[in-house]
Protein backbone atom coordinates (compact mmCIF):
# COMPACT_ATOMS: atom_id res chain seq x y z
CA MET A 1 12.44 -9.03 57.00
CA ILE A 2 13.26 -11.06 53.90
CA PRO A 3 10.34 -10.55 51.12
CA SER A 4 8.57 -13.80 50.85
CA ASP A 5 7.81 -13.22 47.00
CA LEU A 6 11.58 -13.53 46.44
CA ARG A 7 13.70 -16.28 45.16
CA PHE A 8 17.74 -16.34 46.49
CA HIS A 9 20.99 -17.49 44.93
CA LYS A 10 23.88 -18.57 47.17
CA GLU A 11 25.86 -15.54 46.02
CA HIS A 12 23.14 -13.50 47.93
CA GLU A 13 21.10 -12.07 44.70
CA TRP A 14 17.53 -12.21 44.81
CA VAL A 15 15.04 -12.56 41.77
CA ARG A 16 11.12 -11.17 41.96
CA LEU A 17 9.25 -13.08 39.18
CA ASP A 18 6.96 -11.36 36.87
CA GLY A 19 5.69 -13.68 34.27
CA THR A 20 8.79 -14.52 32.10
CA GLN A 21 10.56 -11.47 33.59
CA ALA A 22 12.69 -11.42 36.62
CA THR A 23 13.98 -8.62 38.25
CA VAL A 24 17.24 -9.18 40.03
CA GLY A 25 18.80 -7.34 43.15
CA ILE A 26 21.24 -7.92 45.94
CA SER A 27 19.94 -8.90 49.36
CA ASP A 28 19.98 -6.97 52.74
CA PHE A 29 22.48 -9.20 53.94
CA ALA A 30 25.14 -8.62 51.01
CA GLN A 31 24.19 -4.77 51.11
CA ASP A 32 24.98 -4.58 54.94
CA ALA A 33 27.92 -6.74 54.36
CA LEU A 34 29.38 -4.39 51.94
CA GLY A 35 28.77 -1.22 53.50
CA ASP A 36 28.47 2.00 51.79
CA ILE A 37 27.81 1.44 48.18
CA VAL A 38 29.84 3.97 45.98
CA PHE A 39 29.18 2.57 42.55
CA LEU A 40 27.81 -0.22 40.45
CA ASP A 41 29.03 -1.68 37.06
CA LEU A 42 25.74 -2.47 35.72
CA PRO A 43 25.38 -5.08 32.83
CA LYS A 44 24.47 -3.56 29.26
CA VAL A 45 20.76 -4.11 28.22
CA GLY A 46 20.93 -6.87 25.24
CA THR A 47 23.39 -8.89 26.99
CA THR A 48 22.62 -12.67 27.02
CA VAL A 49 23.46 -14.43 30.66
CA LYS A 50 23.45 -17.87 31.90
CA VAL A 51 22.98 -18.76 35.72
CA GLY A 52 26.07 -17.75 37.68
CA GLN A 53 27.64 -15.75 35.38
CA GLN A 54 29.07 -12.26 36.31
CA ILE A 55 26.78 -9.57 35.30
CA GLY A 56 28.39 -6.66 37.36
CA GLU A 57 30.15 -5.38 40.33
CA VAL A 58 29.52 -3.43 43.28
CA GLU A 59 32.16 -1.20 44.86
CA SER A 60 31.52 0.01 48.35
CA THR A 61 33.77 1.83 51.14
CA LYS A 62 35.08 -1.70 52.26
CA THR A 63 35.34 -3.82 49.09
CA THR A 64 34.49 -4.65 45.39
CA SER A 65 31.99 -7.56 44.79
CA THR A 66 30.96 -9.43 41.90
CA ILE A 67 27.20 -9.50 41.00
CA TYR A 68 26.08 -12.81 39.74
CA THR A 69 22.77 -13.60 37.70
CA PRO A 70 20.64 -16.24 39.45
CA VAL A 71 18.79 -16.79 36.11
CA SER A 72 19.50 -17.20 32.54
CA GLY A 73 18.01 -15.05 29.53
CA THR A 74 18.53 -11.45 28.50
CA VAL A 75 19.07 -8.25 30.13
CA ILE A 76 16.10 -6.04 29.06
CA LYS A 77 16.50 -3.31 31.23
CA ILE A 78 18.70 -1.88 34.04
CA ASN A 79 18.51 0.40 37.28
CA SER A 80 20.04 3.44 35.19
CA ASP A 81 19.09 5.47 38.48
CA LEU A 82 21.88 3.64 40.29
CA LYS A 83 24.63 5.25 38.29
CA ASP A 84 23.91 8.69 40.27
CA ARG A 85 22.48 7.28 43.22
CA PRO A 86 24.21 3.90 44.15
CA GLU A 87 23.35 4.34 47.85
CA VAL A 88 19.91 3.41 47.02
CA VAL A 89 21.00 -0.29 47.04
CA ASN A 90 21.94 0.00 50.92
CA SER A 91 18.59 2.05 51.70
CA ASP A 92 16.19 -0.31 49.65
CA PRO A 93 17.71 -3.18 48.15
CA TYR A 94 14.60 -5.07 47.70
CA GLY A 95 12.41 -2.21 46.17
CA ASN A 96 14.30 0.84 44.29
CA GLY A 97 17.89 -0.94 44.83
CA TRP A 98 17.10 -3.37 42.14
CA ILE A 99 19.86 -3.86 39.60
CA ALA A 100 18.46 -5.48 36.35
CA VAL A 101 15.41 -7.03 34.45
CA ILE A 102 16.10 -10.25 32.58
CA ALA A 103 13.56 -11.80 30.28
CA LEU A 104 13.95 -15.43 31.28
CA SER A 105 15.02 -18.04 28.67
CA ASN A 106 14.46 -20.91 31.26
CA PRO A 107 11.54 -20.24 34.14
CA GLY A 108 12.26 -23.24 35.54
CA GLU A 109 15.78 -22.26 36.75
CA VAL A 110 13.87 -20.17 39.48
CA ASP A 111 12.47 -23.08 41.06
CA GLN A 112 16.22 -24.20 41.93
CA LEU A 113 16.75 -20.61 43.90
CA MET A 114 16.12 -20.69 47.61
CA THR A 115 12.89 -19.47 48.96
CA ALA A 116 12.83 -16.62 51.37
CA GLN A 117 12.57 -19.23 54.36
CA GLN A 118 15.33 -21.50 52.97
CA TYR A 119 17.61 -18.15 52.38
CA GLU A 120 16.90 -17.41 56.25
CA THR A 121 18.32 -20.62 57.13
CA PHE A 122 21.15 -20.31 54.71
CA LEU A 123 22.00 -17.04 56.24
CA ALA A 124 21.80 -18.83 59.64
CA SER A 125 24.27 -21.30 58.96
CA GLN A 126 26.85 -19.01 57.07
CA LYS A 127 26.66 -17.01 60.43
CA LYS A 128 27.53 -20.18 62.59
CA GLY A 129 30.30 -21.56 60.15
């Protein structure tokens, strides 16, 4: 189940809004495609980011994948628990597997992201292609 309160980027990152802050993570689809996650390279607190910019990497037993930010702003918090327990992204991608919190510089950008329903349709079209 894709949580209905999230917005999604085409690169399979999600955003959960809380006022002018956005929690960012990778989708269940992404973690499943990656396989067992063994390491995350997280952004640094204080980093200013723009939509689509690389903010980190996920290493799994299969591959390494880039993490892109779906929103612009400043990284104000990272999930440091993932340094010791990266597998949490596999087991709880929409909860305790969050990656970073970004203070939004342009909250309107979130409106450009896919809703959960649009993301489901996007995934279905990816599987057909």
